[in-house]
Amino acid sequence: MSASTTSNPARATVALSAKALLLDMDGTLVNSDAVVERCWRDWAVTHGLDPQEALKVVHGRQGYATMAILLPGRPMELNHAENAEMLARETADTDGVVPVAGAPEFMAAIADLPHALVTSADAALARTRMAAAALPMPRVRVTAESVGASKPDPEGFLKGAAELGVDPADCIVFEDSAAGIAAGRAAGMRVIGIGPRAAAHAPTAHVPDLTSIRVTSTPSGTLHLTLTPA
């Protein structure tokens, strides 16, 4: 699928085309940073770790994978057990969970177009956060239970493409984190980076939020995306 930019580098408009969109949740559709930081700061302190250093690796990954990075050599079964506790705590805490700017309009615009949610959250947490942000849950979704490996492994995005019946090269990923962007690229997909975390990780294109994206479709099923960075 094609991509082009305008000639004005100060405010370049990027045009992309695809057959399907694969959407991360946290940081991309839903701003859940307040909850994530509360829970992971507490976890880091409990384990004698620097919370600021811990927060550098938590975004985009499943909790057990984050724990394995922060506590190398610890038995993985302990990571999985504590991840279950972390998921339960995060699911119970929706204080500060809000939609990313432009997310309601974006989700309305793609409601009848091929798209899937591909998130490191489990199904319960995904439902809770999408509901807290008053966003519709996509019909096709790949959650933590659906995969054997966490982002940055590409499994989730490849599974999302397969469930939509679309070739990976014809999919565009929306992501905010280093792990998520790496997963999308490893899947052979183009990646639109959303928000400040994404800018440093070489996405195909980057926008500050979803207000900068317009999606239209043709009768043949091609999706046209126009991105106007701030």
C-alpha atoms as a PDB file:
ATOM      1  CA  MET A   1       0.000   0.000   0.000  1.00  0.00           C
ATOM      2  CA  SER A   2       1.145   3.512  -0.741  1.00  0.00           C
ATOM      3  CA  ALA A   3       2.449   6.421   1.273  1.00  0.00           C
ATOM      4  CA  SER A   4       3.164  10.017   0.326  1.00  0.00           C
ATOM      5  CA  THR A   5       3.934  13.356   1.974  1.00  0.00           C
ATOM      6  CA  THR A   6       3.441  16.977   1.085  1.00  0.00           C
ATOM      7  CA  SER A   7       6.450  19.154   0.293  1.00  0.00           C
ATOM      8  CA  ASN A   8       6.249  21.332   3.406  1.00  0.00           C
ATOM      9  CA  PRO A   9       8.491  19.659   6.028  1.00  0.00           C
ATOM     10  CA  ALA A  10       7.295  21.992   8.788  1.00  0.00           C
ATOM     11  CA  ARG A  11       3.785  20.541   8.606  1.00  0.00           C
ATOM     12  CA  ALA A  12       3.984  17.568   6.272  1.00  0.00           C
ATOM     13  CA  THR A  13       0.730  15.766   5.566  1.00  0.00           C
ATOM     14  CA  VAL A  14       1.248  12.018   5.280  1.00  0.00           C
ATOM     15  CA  ALA A  15      -1.056   9.858   3.161  1.00  0.00           C
ATOM     16  CA  LEU A  16      -1.214   6.097   3.699  1.00  0.00           C
ATOM     17  CA  SER A  17      -3.475   3.392   2.341  1.00  0.00           C
ATOM     18  CA  ALA A  18      -4.293  -0.036   3.746  1.00  0.00           C
ATOM     19  CA  LYS A  19      -6.901  -2.777   3.990  1.00  0.00           C
ATOM     20  CA  ALA A  20      -7.160  -2.983   7.800  1.00  0.00           C
ATOM     21  CA  LEU A  21      -6.170  -1.154  10.981  1.00  0.00           C
ATOM     22  CA  LEU A  22      -4.716  -2.827  14.090  1.00  0.00           C
ATOM     23  CA  LEU A  23      -5.114  -0.752  17.237  1.00  0.00           C
ATOM     24  CA  ASP A  24      -3.211  -0.898  20.495  1.00  0.00           C
ATOM     25  CA  MET A  25      -5.282   0.266  23.482  1.00  0.00           C
ATOM     26  CA  ASP A  26      -3.279   1.842  26.334  1.00  0.00           C
ATOM     27  CA  GLY A  27      -1.674   5.084  25.227  1.00  0.00           C
ATOM     28  CA  THR A  28      -3.198   4.783  21.762  1.00  0.00           C
ATOM     29  CA  LEU A  29      -6.967   4.812  22.308  1.00  0.00           C
ATOM     30  CA  VAL A  30      -7.108   5.084  26.101  1.00  0.00           C
ATOM     31  CA  ASN A  31      -4.932   7.216  28.356  1.00  0.00           C
ATOM     32  CA  SER A  32      -4.426   4.945  31.351  1.00  0.00           C
ATOM     33  CA  ASP A  33      -1.043   6.315  32.413  1.00  0.00           C
ATOM     34  CA  ALA A  34      -2.321   7.401  35.840  1.00  0.00           C
ATOM     35  CA  VAL A  35      -3.342   3.845  36.764  1.00  0.00           C
ATOM     36  CA  VAL A  36      -0.309   2.187  35.193  1.00  0.00           C
ATOM     37  CA  GLU A  37       2.078   4.468  37.009  1.00  0.00           C
ATOM     38  CA  ARG A  38       0.329   4.074  40.374  1.00  0.00           C
ATOM     39  CA  CYS A  39       0.365   0.293  40.189  1.00  0.00           C
ATOM     40  CA  TRP A  40       3.877  -0.122  38.833  1.00  0.00           C
ATOM     41  CA  ARG A  41       5.430   2.426  41.168  1.00  0.00           C
ATOM     42  CA  ASP A  42       4.052   0.456  44.113  1.00  0.00           C
ATOM     43  CA  TRP A  43       5.284  -2.821  42.629  1.00  0.00           C
ATOM     44  CA  ALA A  44       8.771  -1.397  42.017  1.00  0.00           C
ATOM     45  CA  VAL A  45       9.076  -0.039  45.560  1.00  0.00           C
ATOM     46  CA  THR A  46       7.930  -3.382  46.995  1.00  0.00           C
ATOM     47  CA  HIS A  47      10.760  -5.086  45.105  1.00  0.00           C
ATOM     48  CA  GLY A  48      13.413  -2.510  45.952  1.00  0.00           C
ATOM     49  CA  LEU A  49      13.561  -1.052  42.436  1.00  0.00           C
ATOM     50  CA  ASP A  50      13.737   2.531  41.249  1.00  0.00           C
ATOM     51  CA  PRO A  51      10.164   3.386  40.145  1.00  0.00           C
ATOM     52  CA  GLN A  52      11.375   5.802  37.469  1.00  0.00           C
ATOM     53  CA  GLU A  53      13.561   3.137  35.900  1.00  0.00           C
ATOM     54  CA  ALA A  54      10.722   0.617  36.077  1.00  0.00           C
ATOM     55  CA  LEU A  55       8.338   2.961  34.265  1.00  0.00           C
ATOM     56  CA  LYS A  56      10.738   3.130  31.329  1.00  0.00           C
ATOM     57  CA  VAL A  57       9.953  -0.495  30.386  1.00  0.00           C
ATOM     58  CA  VAL A  58       6.375  -1.147  31.495  1.00  0.00           C
ATOM     59  CA  HIS A  59       4.500   0.381  28.565  1.00  0.00           C
ATOM     60  CA  GLY A  60       3.344  -1.940  25.812  1.00  0.00           C
ATOM     61  CA  ARG A  61       4.363  -5.231  27.384  1.00  0.00           C
ATOM     62  CA  GLN A  62       2.413  -7.801  29.335  1.00  0.00           C
ATOM     63  CA  GLY A  63       3.213  -7.501  33.028  1.00  0.00           C
ATOM     64  CA  TYR A  64       5.071 -10.797  33.319  1.00  0.00           C
ATOM     65  CA  ALA A  65       7.428  -9.701  30.523  1.00  0.00           C
ATOM     66  CA  THR A  66       8.121  -6.411  32.290  1.00  0.00           C
ATOM     67  CA  MET A  67       8.848  -8.266  35.509  1.00  0.00           C
ATOM     68  CA  ALA A  68      11.251 -10.598  33.699  1.00  0.00           C
ATOM     69  CA  ILE A  69      13.224  -7.574  32.456  1.00  0.00           C
ATOM     70  CA  LEU A  70      13.279  -5.831  35.828  1.00  0.00           C
ATOM     71  CA  LEU A  71      14.004  -8.962  37.887  1.00  0.00           C
ATOM     72  CA  PRO A  72      16.125 -11.141  35.574  1.00  0.00           C
ATOM     73  CA  GLY A  73      16.634 -14.688  36.713  1.00  0.00           C
ATOM     74  CA  ARG A  74      13.492 -14.788  38.839  1.00  0.00           C
ATOM     75  CA  PRO A  75      11.328 -17.882  38.210  1.00  0.00           C
ATOM     76  CA  MET A  76       8.804 -17.111  35.476  1.00  0.00           C
ATOM     77  CA  GLU A  77       5.976 -18.702  37.433  1.00  0.00           C
ATOM     78  CA  LEU A  78       6.427 -15.977  40.040  1.00  0.00           C
ATOM     79  CA  ASN A  79       6.170 -13.338  37.336  1.00  0.00           C
ATOM     80  CA  HIS A  80       2.956 -14.873  36.026  1.00  0.00           C
ATOM     81  CA  ALA A  81       1.492 -15.047  39.540  1.00  0.00           C
ATOM     82  CA  GLU A  82       2.298 -11.415  40.303  1.00  0.00           C
ATOM     83  CA  ASN A  83       1.066 -10.381  36.863  1.00  0.00           C
ATOM     84  CA  ALA A  84      -2.338 -11.884  37.690  1.00  0.00           C
ATOM     85  CA  GLU A  85      -2.408  -9.782  40.857  1.00  0.00           C
ATOM     86  CA  MET A  86      -1.350  -6.695  38.912  1.00  0.00           C
ATOM     87  CA  LEU A  87      -4.085  -7.224  36.293  1.00  0.00           C
ATOM     88  CA  ALA A  88      -6.705  -7.545  39.025  1.00  0.00           C
ATOM     89  CA  ARG A  89      -5.529  -4.313  40.662  1.00  0.00           C
ATOM     90  CA  GLU A  90      -5.417  -2.409  37.368  1.00  0.00           C
ATOM     91  CA  THR A  91      -8.880  -3.656  36.415  1.00  0.00           C
ATOM     92  CA  ALA A  92     -10.300  -2.411  39.717  1.00  0.00           C
ATOM     93  CA  ASP A  93      -8.735   1.054  39.308  1.00  0.00           C
ATOM     94  CA  THR A  94     -10.229   3.309  36.633  1.00  0.00           C
ATOM     95  CA  ASP A  95      -9.449   6.660  38.289  1.00  0.00           C
ATOM     96  CA  GLY A  96      -7.973   8.891  35.607  1.00  0.00           C
ATOM     97  CA  VAL A  97      -8.734   6.593  32.663  1.00  0.00           C
ATOM     98  CA  VAL A  98      -9.833   8.804  29.765  1.00  0.00           C
ATOM     99  CA  PRO A  99      -9.877   8.570  25.972  1.00  0.00           C
ATOM    100  CA  VAL A 100      -6.867   9.784  24.034  1.00  0.00           C
ATOM    101  CA  ALA A 101      -7.765  13.035  22.280  1.00  0.00           C
ATOM    102  CA  GLY A 102      -9.762  12.293  19.129  1.00  0.00           C
ATOM    103  CA  ALA A 103     -10.386   8.637  20.026  1.00  0.00           C
ATOM    104  CA  PRO A 104     -14.210   8.824  20.129  1.00  0.00           C
ATOM    105  CA  GLU A 105     -14.387  10.443  16.689  1.00  0.00           C
ATOM    106  CA  PHE A 106     -11.740   8.106  15.284  1.00  0.00           C
ATOM    107  CA  MET A 107     -13.544   4.979  16.510  1.00  0.00           C
ATOM    108  CA  ALA A 108     -16.837   6.275  15.088  1.00  0.00           C
ATOM    109  CA  ALA A 109     -15.166   6.888  11.720  1.00  0.00           C
ATOM    110  CA  ILE A 110     -13.795   3.322  11.472  1.00  0.00           C
ATOM    111  CA  ALA A 111     -16.793   1.529  13.012  1.00  0.00           C
ATOM    112  CA  ASP A 112     -17.744  -0.175   9.738  1.00  0.00           C
ATOM    113  CA  LEU A 113     -14.188  -0.603   8.433  1.00  0.00           C
ATOM    114  CA  PRO A 114     -11.865  -3.590   9.031  1.00  0.00           C
ATOM    115  CA  HIS A 115     -10.089  -3.090  12.341  1.00  0.00           C
ATOM    116  CA  ALA A 116      -9.044  -5.010  15.435  1.00  0.00           C
ATOM    117  CA  LEU A 117      -7.853  -4.277  18.958  1.00  0.00           C
ATOM    118  CA  VAL A 118      -4.421  -5.800  19.694  1.00  0.00           C
ATOM    119  CA  THR A 119      -3.556  -5.173  23.329  1.00  0.00           C
ATOM    120  CA  SER A 120      -1.269  -6.526  26.037  1.00  0.00           C
ATOM    121  CA  ALA A 121      -4.185  -6.210  28.487  1.00  0.00           C
ATOM    122  CA  ASP A 122      -6.275  -9.262  29.249  1.00  0.00           C
ATOM    123  CA  ALA A 123      -9.917  -9.337  28.182  1.00  0.00           C
ATOM    124  CA  ALA A 124     -11.283  -8.093  31.521  1.00  0.00           C
ATOM    125  CA  LEU A 125      -8.895  -5.140  31.674  1.00  0.00           C
ATOM    126  CA  ALA A 126      -9.535  -4.268  28.024  1.00  0.00           C
ATOM    127  CA  ARG A 127     -13.301  -4.230  28.574  1.00  0.00           C
ATOM    128  CA  THR A 128     -12.946  -2.142  31.733  1.00  0.00           C
ATOM    129  CA  ARG A 129     -10.679   0.493  30.212  1.00  0.00           C
ATOM    130  CA  MET A 130     -12.577   0.825  26.943  1.00  0.00           C
ATOM    131  CA  ALA A 131     -15.791   1.235  28.943  1.00  0.00           C
ATOM    132  CA  ALA A 132     -14.198   3.747  31.332  1.00  0.00           C
ATOM    133  CA  ALA A 133     -13.118   5.797  28.319  1.00  0.00           C
ATOM    134  CA  ALA A 134     -16.595   5.402  26.762  1.00  0.00           C
ATOM    135  CA  LEU A 135     -15.125   3.814  23.622  1.00  0.00           C
ATOM    136  CA  PRO A 136     -16.733   0.978  21.640  1.00  0.00           C
ATOM    137  CA  MET A 137     -15.028  -2.405  21.858  1.00  0.00           C
ATOM    138  CA  PRO A 138     -13.985  -3.687  18.419  1.00  0.00           C
ATOM    139  CA  ARG A 139     -15.610  -6.932  17.330  1.00  0.00           C
ATOM    140  CA  VAL A 140     -12.194  -8.453  16.581  1.00  0.00           C
ATOM    141  CA  ARG A 141      -9.764  -8.274  19.470  1.00  0.00           C
ATOM    142  CA  VAL A 142      -6.501  -9.951  20.402  1.00  0.00           C
ATOM    143  CA  THR A 143      -5.866  -9.785  24.156  1.00  0.00           C
ATOM    144  CA  ALA A 144      -3.235 -11.271  26.456  1.00  0.00           C
ATOM    145  CA  GLU A 145      -5.047 -14.611  26.601  1.00  0.00           C
ATOM    146  CA  SER A 146      -4.931 -14.890  22.810  1.00  0.00           C
ATOM    147  CA  VAL A 147      -1.150 -15.051  22.443  1.00  0.00           C
ATOM    148  CA  GLY A 148       1.802 -16.989  23.773  1.00  0.00           C
ATOM    149  CA  ALA A 149       4.292 -14.118  23.591  1.00  0.00           C
ATOM    150  CA  SER A 150       4.126 -10.470  24.652  1.00  0.00           C
ATOM    151  CA  LYS A 151       4.976  -7.492  22.490  1.00  0.00           C
ATOM    152  CA  PRO A 152       7.606  -6.808  21.117  1.00  0.00           C
ATOM    153  CA  ASP A 153       6.912 -10.249  19.659  1.00  0.00           C
ATOM    154  CA  PRO A 154       4.744  -9.763  16.531  1.00  0.00           C
ATOM    155  CA  GLU A 155       2.365 -12.637  17.327  1.00  0.00           C
ATOM    156  CA  GLY A 156      -0.536 -10.420  18.395  1.00  0.00           C
ATOM    157  CA  PHE A 157      -0.484  -8.262  15.289  1.00  0.00           C
ATOM    158  CA  LEU A 158      -0.073 -11.252  12.988  1.00  0.00           C
ATOM    159  CA  LYS A 159      -3.032 -12.900  14.680  1.00  0.00           C
ATOM    160  CA  GLY A 160      -5.116  -9.743  14.320  1.00  0.00           C
ATOM    161  CA  ALA A 161      -4.347  -9.600  10.595  1.00  0.00           C
ATOM    162  CA  ALA A 162      -5.202 -13.285  10.193  1.00  0.00           C
ATOM    163  CA  GLU A 163      -8.531 -12.900  11.990  1.00  0.00           C
ATOM    164  CA  LEU A 164      -9.418 -10.027   9.669  1.00  0.00           C
ATOM    165  CA  GLY A 165      -8.275 -12.031   6.641  1.00  0.00           C
ATOM    166  CA  VAL A 166      -5.813  -9.332   5.559  1.00  0.00           C
ATOM    167  CA  ASP A 167      -2.178  -9.716   4.529  1.00  0.00           C
ATOM    168  CA  PRO A 168       0.176  -8.188   7.134  1.00  0.00           C
ATOM    169  CA  ALA A 169       1.664  -5.853   4.519  1.00  0.00           C
ATOM    170  CA  ASP A 170      -1.815  -4.379   3.998  1.00  0.00           C
ATOM    171  CA  CYS A 171      -2.295  -3.556   7.689  1.00  0.00           C
ATOM    172  CA  ILE A 172      -1.417  -0.379   9.556  1.00  0.00           C
ATOM    173  CA  VAL A 173      -0.665  -0.572  13.279  1.00  0.00           C
ATOM    174  CA  PHE A 174      -1.462   2.232  15.731  1.00  0.00           C
ATOM    175  CA  GLU A 175       0.925   2.190  18.706  1.00  0.00           C
ATOM    176  CA  ASP A 176       2.404   4.387  21.428  1.00  0.00           C
ATOM    177  CA  SER A 177       5.212   2.302  22.952  1.00  0.00           C
ATOM    178  CA  ALA A 178       8.660   1.062  21.964  1.00  0.00           C
ATOM    179  CA  ALA A 179       7.580  -2.568  22.438  1.00  0.00           C
ATOM    180  CA  GLY A 180       4.425  -2.097  20.386  1.00  0.00           C
ATOM    181  CA  ILE A 181       6.163  -0.279  17.540  1.00  0.00           C
ATOM    182  CA  ALA A 182       8.836  -2.995  17.420  1.00  0.00           C
ATOM    183  CA  ALA A 183       6.102  -5.658  17.316  1.00  0.00           C
ATOM    184  CA  GLY A 184       4.324  -3.958  14.421  1.00  0.00           C
ATOM    185  CA  ARG A 185       7.526  -3.582  12.446  1.00  0.00           C
ATOM    186  CA  ALA A 186       8.491  -7.209  13.130  1.00  0.00           C
ATOM    187  CA  ALA A 187       5.089  -8.235  11.748  1.00  0.00           C
ATOM    188  CA  GLY A 188       5.958  -6.512   8.478  1.00  0.00           C
ATOM    189  CA  MET A 189       3.429  -3.745   9.015  1.00  0.00           C
ATOM    190  CA  ARG A 190       3.603   0.023   8.873  1.00  0.00           C
ATOM    191  CA  VAL A 191       3.175   1.755  12.205  1.00  0.00           C
ATOM    192  CA  ILE A 192       1.579   5.074  13.083  1.00  0.00           C
ATOM    193  CA  GLY A 193       3.056   6.276  16.359  1.00  0.00           C
ATOM    194  CA  ILE A 194       0.606   7.993  18.699  1.00  0.00           C
ATOM    195  CA  GLY A 195       1.702  10.436  21.396  1.00  0.00           C
ATOM    196  CA  PRO A 196       5.023  11.475  22.943  1.00  0.00           C
ATOM    197  CA  ARG A 197       6.382   7.998  23.751  1.00  0.00           C
ATOM    198  CA  ALA A 198       6.185   6.905  20.132  1.00  0.00           C
ATOM    199  CA  ALA A 199       8.268   9.638  18.549  1.00  0.00           C
ATOM    200  CA  ALA A 200      11.671   8.224  19.508  1.00  0.00           C
ATOM    201  CA  HIS A 201      11.066   4.730  18.144  1.00  0.00           C
ATOM    202  CA  ALA A 202      10.996   5.226  14.374  1.00  0.00           C
ATOM    203  CA  PRO A 203       7.344   4.616  13.482  1.00  0.00           C
ATOM    204  CA  THR A 204       6.397   4.984   9.832  1.00  0.00           C
ATOM    205  CA  ALA A 205       4.629   8.223  10.754  1.00  0.00           C
ATOM    206  CA  HIS A 206       3.923  10.030  14.019  1.00  0.00           C
ATOM    207  CA  VAL A 207       1.083  12.189  15.312  1.00  0.00           C
ATOM    208  CA  PRO A 208       0.468  13.711  18.760  1.00  0.00           C
ATOM    209  CA  ASP A 209      -2.997  12.137  19.085  1.00  0.00           C
ATOM    210  CA  LEU A 210      -5.928  10.843  17.056  1.00  0.00           C
ATOM    211  CA  THR A 211      -7.278  14.287  16.189  1.00  0.00           C
ATOM    212  CA  SER A 212      -4.608  14.424  13.478  1.00  0.00           C
ATOM    213  CA  ILE A 213      -5.894  11.406  11.539  1.00  0.00           C
ATOM    214  CA  ARG A 214      -8.677  11.199   8.961  1.00  0.00           C
ATOM    215  CA  VAL A 215      -9.826   7.846   7.543  1.00  0.00           C
ATOM    216  CA  THR A 216     -11.929   7.305   4.434  1.00  0.00           C
ATOM    217  CA  SER A 217     -12.646   4.220   2.355  1.00  0.00           C
ATOM    218  CA  THR A 218     -13.310   3.356  -1.278  1.00  0.00           C
ATOM    219  CA  PRO A 219     -15.966   0.968  -2.632  1.00  0.00           C
ATOM    220  CA  SER A 220     -13.186  -1.546  -3.294  1.00  0.00           C
ATOM    221  CA  GLY A 221     -12.300  -1.641   0.409  1.00  0.00           C
ATOM    222  CA  THR A 222      -9.123   0.419   0.390  1.00  0.00           C
ATOM    223  CA  LEU A 223      -8.683   2.620   3.455  1.00  0.00           C
ATOM    224  CA  HIS A 224      -7.100   6.027   2.937  1.00  0.00           C
ATOM    225  CA  LEU A 225      -5.492   7.699   5.949  1.00  0.00           C
ATOM    226  CA  THR A 226      -4.458  11.352   6.024  1.00  0.00           C
ATOM    227  CA  LEU A 227      -2.181  12.385   8.881  1.00  0.00           C
ATOM    228  CA  THR A 228      -1.515  16.014   9.733  1.00  0.00           C
ATOM    229  CA  PRO A 229       1.065  16.306  12.514  1.00  0.00           C
ATOM    230  CA  ALA A 230       0.692  19.247  14.894  1.00  0.00           C
END
